[in-house]
Amino acid sequence: MNNFNVRYSDNDLQEFKEIILKKIEKSEEDLKLLVDSYKNGSGNGTEDTSPTFKSFEEGSDTMSKEANMQLAIRQEKFIRDLKNALARIENKTYGICRVTGKLIQKERLKLVPHATLSIEAKRKQ
């Protein structure tokens, strides 16, 4: 059988598209929360607390801002990967392993909709 004819049906692609669109929407909401949290400095009204805790809180604030920034960067990459998956759906190459040329299992794509490798190819890495 010719590998180039192997692809998911339009119905399957539509199902994956809906999964991906929901994930993008949720991820963009999460990203907005992360960005807001490190931009706004989350002033939780600790100005009137005892000065001994002040320096600890400022250090903790800086650490959580950096952590949120790292999470935001990862979230942006995840959204970009999901949007790339949408492009593959549009050109009907979605779900085809970029190494083996075989279809990636449906269950894998439902869990990791931006996957470009089959489990088989992933294990060989």
C-alpha atoms as a PDB file:
ATOM      1  CA  MET A   1       0.000   0.000   0.000  1.00  0.00           C
ATOM      2  CA  ASN A   2       1.292   3.460  -0.886  1.00  0.00           C
ATOM      3  CA  ASN A   3       2.036   5.480   2.276  1.00  0.00           C
ATOM      4  CA  PHE A   4       1.015   8.744   0.612  1.00  0.00           C
ATOM      5  CA  ASN A   5      -2.643   7.695   0.564  1.00  0.00           C
ATOM      6  CA  VAL A   6      -2.623   7.122   4.300  1.00  0.00           C
ATOM      7  CA  ARG A   7      -4.377   9.925   6.148  1.00  0.00           C
ATOM      8  CA  TYR A   8      -7.215  10.555   8.551  1.00  0.00           C
ATOM      9  CA  SER A   9     -10.709  11.038   7.148  1.00  0.00           C
ATOM     10  CA  ASP A  10     -12.226  14.515   6.977  1.00  0.00           C
ATOM     11  CA  ASN A  11     -14.534  13.542   9.864  1.00  0.00           C
ATOM     12  CA  ASP A  12     -11.551  12.510  11.984  1.00  0.00           C
ATOM     13  CA  LEU A  13      -9.717  15.712  11.068  1.00  0.00           C
ATOM     14  CA  GLN A  14     -12.772  17.750  12.087  1.00  0.00           C
ATOM     15  CA  GLU A  15     -12.866  15.941  15.441  1.00  0.00           C
ATOM     16  CA  PHE A  16      -9.172  16.670  16.028  1.00  0.00           C
ATOM     17  CA  LYS A  17      -9.699  20.293  14.959  1.00  0.00           C
ATOM     18  CA  GLU A  18     -12.377  20.740  17.630  1.00  0.00           C
ATOM     19  CA  ILE A  19     -10.095  19.219  20.290  1.00  0.00           C
ATOM     20  CA  ILE A  20      -7.251  21.519  19.233  1.00  0.00           C
ATOM     21  CA  LEU A  21      -9.413  24.665  19.104  1.00  0.00           C
ATOM     22  CA  LYS A  22     -10.629  23.978  22.664  1.00  0.00           C
ATOM     23  CA  LYS A  23      -7.042  23.438  23.823  1.00  0.00           C
ATOM     24  CA  ILE A  24      -5.913  26.683  22.155  1.00  0.00           C
ATOM     25  CA  GLU A  25      -8.739  28.627  23.799  1.00  0.00           C
ATOM     26  CA  LYS A  26      -7.936  27.195  27.248  1.00  0.00           C
ATOM     27  CA  SER A  27      -4.187  27.662  26.745  1.00  0.00           C
ATOM     28  CA  GLU A  28      -4.616  31.295  25.702  1.00  0.00           C
ATOM     29  CA  GLU A  29      -6.691  31.947  28.850  1.00  0.00           C
ATOM     30  CA  ASP A  30      -3.980  30.301  30.975  1.00  0.00           C
ATOM     31  CA  LEU A  31      -1.303  32.331  29.193  1.00  0.00           C
ATOM     32  CA  LYS A  32      -3.168  35.574  29.867  1.00  0.00           C
ATOM     33  CA  LEU A  33      -3.363  34.723  33.585  1.00  0.00           C
ATOM     34  CA  LEU A  34       0.367  33.957  33.676  1.00  0.00           C
ATOM     35  CA  VAL A  35       1.296  37.152  31.841  1.00  0.00           C
ATOM     36  CA  ASP A  36      -0.986  39.245  34.049  1.00  0.00           C
ATOM     37  CA  SER A  37       0.505  37.690  37.179  1.00  0.00           C
ATOM     38  CA  TYR A  38       4.085  38.597  36.305  1.00  0.00           C
ATOM     39  CA  LYS A  39       3.282  41.988  34.796  1.00  0.00           C
ATOM     40  CA  ASN A  40       1.093  43.243  37.639  1.00  0.00           C
ATOM     41  CA  GLY A  41       3.510  42.211  40.375  1.00  0.00           C
ATOM     42  CA  SER A  42       0.544  40.693  42.219  1.00  0.00           C
ATOM     43  CA  GLY A  43       0.457  43.163  45.114  1.00  0.00           C
ATOM     44  CA  ASN A  44      -1.418  41.134  47.694  1.00  0.00           C
ATOM     45  CA  GLY A  45      -1.582  43.948  50.213  1.00  0.00           C
ATOM     46  CA  THR A  46       1.463  42.896  52.247  1.00  0.00           C
ATOM     47  CA  GLU A  47       2.691  46.490  52.687  1.00  0.00           C
ATOM     48  CA  ASP A  48       1.439  46.604  56.277  1.00  0.00           C
ATOM     49  CA  THR A  49       2.985  43.292  57.388  1.00  0.00           C
ATOM     50  CA  SER A  50       5.995  43.087  59.629  1.00  0.00           C
ATOM     51  CA  PRO A  51       9.279  44.199  57.953  1.00  0.00           C
ATOM     52  CA  THR A  52      11.049  40.907  58.786  1.00  0.00           C
ATOM     53  CA  PHE A  53       8.870  39.073  56.281  1.00  0.00           C
ATOM     54  CA  LYS A  54       9.189  41.807  53.681  1.00  0.00           C
ATOM     55  CA  SER A  55      12.529  40.715  52.161  1.00  0.00           C
ATOM     56  CA  PHE A  56      11.458  37.066  52.110  1.00  0.00           C
ATOM     57  CA  GLU A  57       8.266  37.989  50.268  1.00  0.00           C
ATOM     58  CA  GLU A  58      10.128  40.142  47.744  1.00  0.00           C
ATOM     59  CA  GLY A  59      12.506  37.259  47.012  1.00  0.00           C
ATOM     60  CA  SER A  60       9.574  34.904  46.761  1.00  0.00           C
ATOM     61  CA  ASP A  61       7.797  37.402  44.500  1.00  0.00           C
ATOM     62  CA  THR A  62      10.786  37.523  42.152  1.00  0.00           C
ATOM     63  CA  MET A  63      11.027  33.727  42.095  1.00  0.00           C
ATOM     64  CA  SER A  64       7.341  33.299  41.296  1.00  0.00           C
ATOM     65  CA  LYS A  65       7.534  36.000  38.602  1.00  0.00           C
ATOM     66  CA  GLU A  66      10.426  34.108  36.971  1.00  0.00           C
ATOM     67  CA  ALA A  67       8.563  30.805  37.314  1.00  0.00           C
ATOM     68  CA  ASN A  68       5.444  32.364  35.759  1.00  0.00           C
ATOM     69  CA  MET A  69       7.536  33.809  32.943  1.00  0.00           C
ATOM     70  CA  GLN A  70       9.005  30.354  32.229  1.00  0.00           C
ATOM     71  CA  LEU A  71       5.514  28.843  32.286  1.00  0.00           C
ATOM     72  CA  ALA A  72       4.299  31.594  29.941  1.00  0.00           C
ATOM     73  CA  ILE A  73       7.124  30.860  27.481  1.00  0.00           C
ATOM     74  CA  ARG A  74       6.245  27.142  27.552  1.00  0.00           C
ATOM     75  CA  GLN A  75       2.561  27.994  27.125  1.00  0.00           C
ATOM     76  CA  GLU A  76       3.331  30.191  24.084  1.00  0.00           C
ATOM     77  CA  LYS A  77       5.288  27.312  22.509  1.00  0.00           C
ATOM     78  CA  PHE A  78       2.394  24.913  23.220  1.00  0.00           C
ATOM     79  CA  ILE A  79      -0.071  27.311  21.547  1.00  0.00           C
ATOM     80  CA  ARG A  80       2.272  27.667  18.550  1.00  0.00           C
ATOM     81  CA  ASP A  81       2.526  23.857  18.289  1.00  0.00           C
ATOM     82  CA  LEU A  82      -1.272  23.570  18.422  1.00  0.00           C
ATOM     83  CA  LYS A  83      -1.659  26.206  15.694  1.00  0.00           C
ATOM     84  CA  ASN A  84       0.880  24.301  13.562  1.00  0.00           C
ATOM     85  CA  ALA A  85      -1.266  21.196  14.079  1.00  0.00           C
ATOM     86  CA  LEU A  86      -4.284  23.162  12.781  1.00  0.00           C
ATOM     87  CA  ALA A  87      -2.288  24.018   9.661  1.00  0.00           C
ATOM     88  CA  ARG A  88      -1.541  20.305   9.175  1.00  0.00           C
ATOM     89  CA  ILE A  89      -5.270  19.587   9.488  1.00  0.00           C
ATOM     90  CA  GLU A  90      -6.000  22.170   6.794  1.00  0.00           C
ATOM     91  CA  ASN A  91      -3.480  20.620   4.385  1.00  0.00           C
ATOM     92  CA  LYS A  92      -4.584  17.102   5.410  1.00  0.00           C
ATOM     93  CA  THR A  93      -1.162  15.969   6.640  1.00  0.00           C
ATOM     94  CA  TYR A  94      -2.264  15.920  10.286  1.00  0.00           C
ATOM     95  CA  GLY A  95      -1.600  12.756  12.236  1.00  0.00           C
ATOM     96  CA  ILE A  96       1.065  11.400   9.907  1.00  0.00           C
ATOM     97  CA  CYS A  97       4.351  10.615  11.652  1.00  0.00           C
ATOM     98  CA  ARG A  98       7.127  12.790  10.234  1.00  0.00           C
ATOM     99  CA  VAL A  99       9.630   9.922  10.606  1.00  0.00           C
ATOM    100  CA  THR A 100       7.768   6.748   9.639  1.00  0.00           C
ATOM    101  CA  GLY A 101       5.063   8.246   7.403  1.00  0.00           C
ATOM    102  CA  LYS A 102       2.498   6.065   9.194  1.00  0.00           C
ATOM    103  CA  LEU A 103      -0.596   7.313  10.987  1.00  0.00           C
ATOM    104  CA  ILE A 104      -0.089   8.317  14.606  1.00  0.00           C
ATOM    105  CA  GLN A 105      -2.541   6.443  16.844  1.00  0.00           C
ATOM    106  CA  LYS A 106      -5.822   8.255  17.465  1.00  0.00           C
ATOM    107  CA  GLU A 107      -5.510   7.807  21.232  1.00  0.00           C
ATOM    108  CA  ARG A 108      -2.092   9.501  21.178  1.00  0.00           C
ATOM    109  CA  LEU A 109      -3.406  12.419  19.134  1.00  0.00           C
ATOM    110  CA  LYS A 110      -6.348  12.902  21.481  1.00  0.00           C
ATOM    111  CA  LEU A 111      -3.933  13.167  24.417  1.00  0.00           C
ATOM    112  CA  VAL A 112      -1.147  15.020  22.567  1.00  0.00           C
ATOM    113  CA  PRO A 113      -2.921  16.713  19.632  1.00  0.00           C
ATOM    114  CA  HIS A 114       0.250  18.523  18.508  1.00  0.00           C
ATOM    115  CA  ALA A 115       2.260  15.267  18.203  1.00  0.00           C
ATOM    116  CA  THR A 116       4.253  14.848  15.001  1.00  0.00           C
ATOM    117  CA  LEU A 117       5.841  11.512  15.929  1.00  0.00           C
ATOM    118  CA  SER A 118       4.321   8.092  16.409  1.00  0.00           C
ATOM    119  CA  ILE A 119       5.163   6.242  19.623  1.00  0.00           C
ATOM    120  CA  GLU A 120       7.381   3.973  17.491  1.00  0.00           C
ATOM    121  CA  ALA A 121       9.424   6.950  16.187  1.00  0.00           C
ATOM    122  CA  LYS A 122       9.458   8.626  19.614  1.00  0.00           C
ATOM    123  CA  ARG A 123      10.988   5.503  21.228  1.00  0.00           C
ATOM    124  CA  LYS A 124      13.801   5.446  18.644  1.00  0.00           C
ATOM    125  CA  GLN A 125      14.897   8.981  19.537  1.00  0.00           C
END
